[in-house]
Amino acid sequence: MAGTEKTSMQVTIVSADKPVWSGQARSVTVPATMGSMGIMPDHEPILALLKEGDVSVQTPDGGKRSFHVDSGFASFDTNILTVAVDHSMDDQQG
């Protein structure tokens, strides 16, 4: 139905020892084991294994954030993305 598309989604990034970041995003790119994967609002549900790399977040105001992560997984359903990783470096804003 036209006009019902979401423009943002809830994102939570957590590591084994601490919460990393939580907020709204227009898009997120994760380092999936089979290659980089982009996720936008209303994406189909996924569960993906992650390898070491960068999780890139584009916020609704046009800002960008990047988090270097070790292995883990990403789960997306009903416009909620959870990224759970073994370890994450501090946020680097772009």
Protein backbone atom coordinates (compact mmCIF):
# COMPACT_ATOMS: atom_id res chain seq x y z
CA MET A 1 0.00 0.00 0.00
CA ALA A 2 1.49 3.33 -1.05
CA GLY A 3 2.44 5.70 1.73
CA THR A 4 2.72 3.05 4.45
CA GLU A 5 6.48 2.51 4.20
CA LYS A 6 8.52 3.17 7.35
CA THR A 7 11.37 5.66 7.09
CA SER A 8 13.33 4.41 10.09
CA MET A 9 13.87 1.34 12.23
CA GLN A 10 14.99 0.65 15.80
CA VAL A 11 18.61 -0.57 16.04
CA THR A 12 20.36 -2.06 19.05
CA ILE A 13 24.03 -3.06 18.93
CA VAL A 14 25.36 -5.02 21.91
CA SER A 15 28.62 -6.79 22.68
CA ALA A 16 29.17 -9.59 25.18
CA ASP A 17 30.31 -7.14 27.85
CA LYS A 18 28.31 -3.93 27.24
CA PRO A 19 25.62 -2.15 25.25
CA VAL A 20 27.24 -0.39 22.28
CA TRP A 21 24.56 1.80 20.66
CA SER A 22 20.79 2.06 20.38
CA GLY A 23 18.67 4.40 18.28
CA GLN A 24 16.76 4.97 15.07
CA ALA A 25 18.31 4.41 11.64
CA ARG A 26 17.38 4.89 7.98
CA SER A 27 19.74 2.08 6.96
CA VAL A 28 22.39 -0.24 8.39
CA THR A 29 25.14 -2.21 6.68
CA VAL A 30 26.51 -5.29 8.46
CA PRO A 31 29.53 -7.52 7.64
CA ALA A 32 27.67 -10.80 7.02
CA THR A 33 29.76 -13.93 6.49
CA MET A 34 28.58 -14.16 2.87
CA GLY A 35 29.32 -10.47 2.17
CA SER A 36 28.16 -7.03 3.21
CA MET A 37 24.39 -6.78 3.77
CA GLY A 38 22.31 -3.61 3.69
CA ILE A 39 19.15 -3.43 5.79
CA MET A 40 16.46 -0.78 5.45
CA PRO A 41 13.06 -0.33 7.11
CA ASP A 42 10.47 -2.94 6.07
CA HIS A 43 13.22 -5.39 5.02
CA GLU A 44 12.16 -9.03 5.14
CA PRO A 45 13.03 -10.83 8.39
CA ILE A 46 16.63 -12.08 8.53
CA LEU A 47 19.05 -13.87 10.81
CA ALA A 48 22.63 -13.50 9.58
CA LEU A 49 26.01 -14.56 10.95
CA LEU A 50 28.56 -11.76 11.06
CA LYS A 51 32.31 -11.72 10.57
CA GLU A 52 34.81 -9.09 11.70
CA GLY A 53 34.17 -5.77 9.99
CA ASP A 54 32.27 -2.51 10.29
CA VAL A 55 28.61 -1.99 11.09
CA SER A 56 27.59 1.30 9.44
CA VAL A 57 24.49 3.15 10.59
CA GLN A 58 22.79 6.02 8.74
CA THR A 59 20.64 7.96 11.19
CA PRO A 60 17.37 9.69 10.24
CA ASP A 61 19.03 13.13 10.44
CA GLY A 62 21.63 12.10 7.83
CA GLY A 63 24.41 11.37 10.30
CA LYS A 64 26.63 8.31 10.04
CA ARG A 65 28.06 6.08 12.73
CA SER A 66 30.47 3.18 12.36
CA PHE A 67 31.29 0.37 14.79
CA HIS A 68 34.10 -2.14 14.23
CA VAL A 69 32.87 -5.54 15.40
CA ASP A 70 34.07 -9.11 15.80
CA SER A 71 31.90 -12.10 14.93
CA GLY A 72 28.28 -12.33 16.00
CA PHE A 73 24.84 -12.20 14.43
CA ALA A 74 22.20 -9.78 13.21
CA SER A 75 18.47 -10.34 13.60
CA PHE A 76 15.84 -8.19 11.89
CA ASP A 77 12.06 -8.45 12.19
CA THR A 78 9.20 -5.95 12.37
CA ASN A 79 11.56 -2.96 11.90
CA ILE A 80 13.73 -3.94 14.86
CA LEU A 81 17.39 -4.78 14.17
CA THR A 82 19.51 -6.40 16.87
CA VAL A 83 23.24 -6.81 16.28
CA ALA A 84 24.92 -9.01 18.91
CA VAL A 85 28.71 -9.36 18.69
CA ASP A 86 31.57 -10.72 20.75
CA HIS A 87 33.41 -7.39 20.87
CA SER A 88 32.99 -3.88 19.45
CA MET A 89 35.35 -0.95 19.16
CA ASP A 90 34.10 2.51 20.14
CA ASP A 91 31.73 4.38 17.85
CA GLN A 92 33.34 6.47 15.13
CA GLN A 93 31.03 9.20 13.86
CA GLY A 94 31.30 10.25 10.24
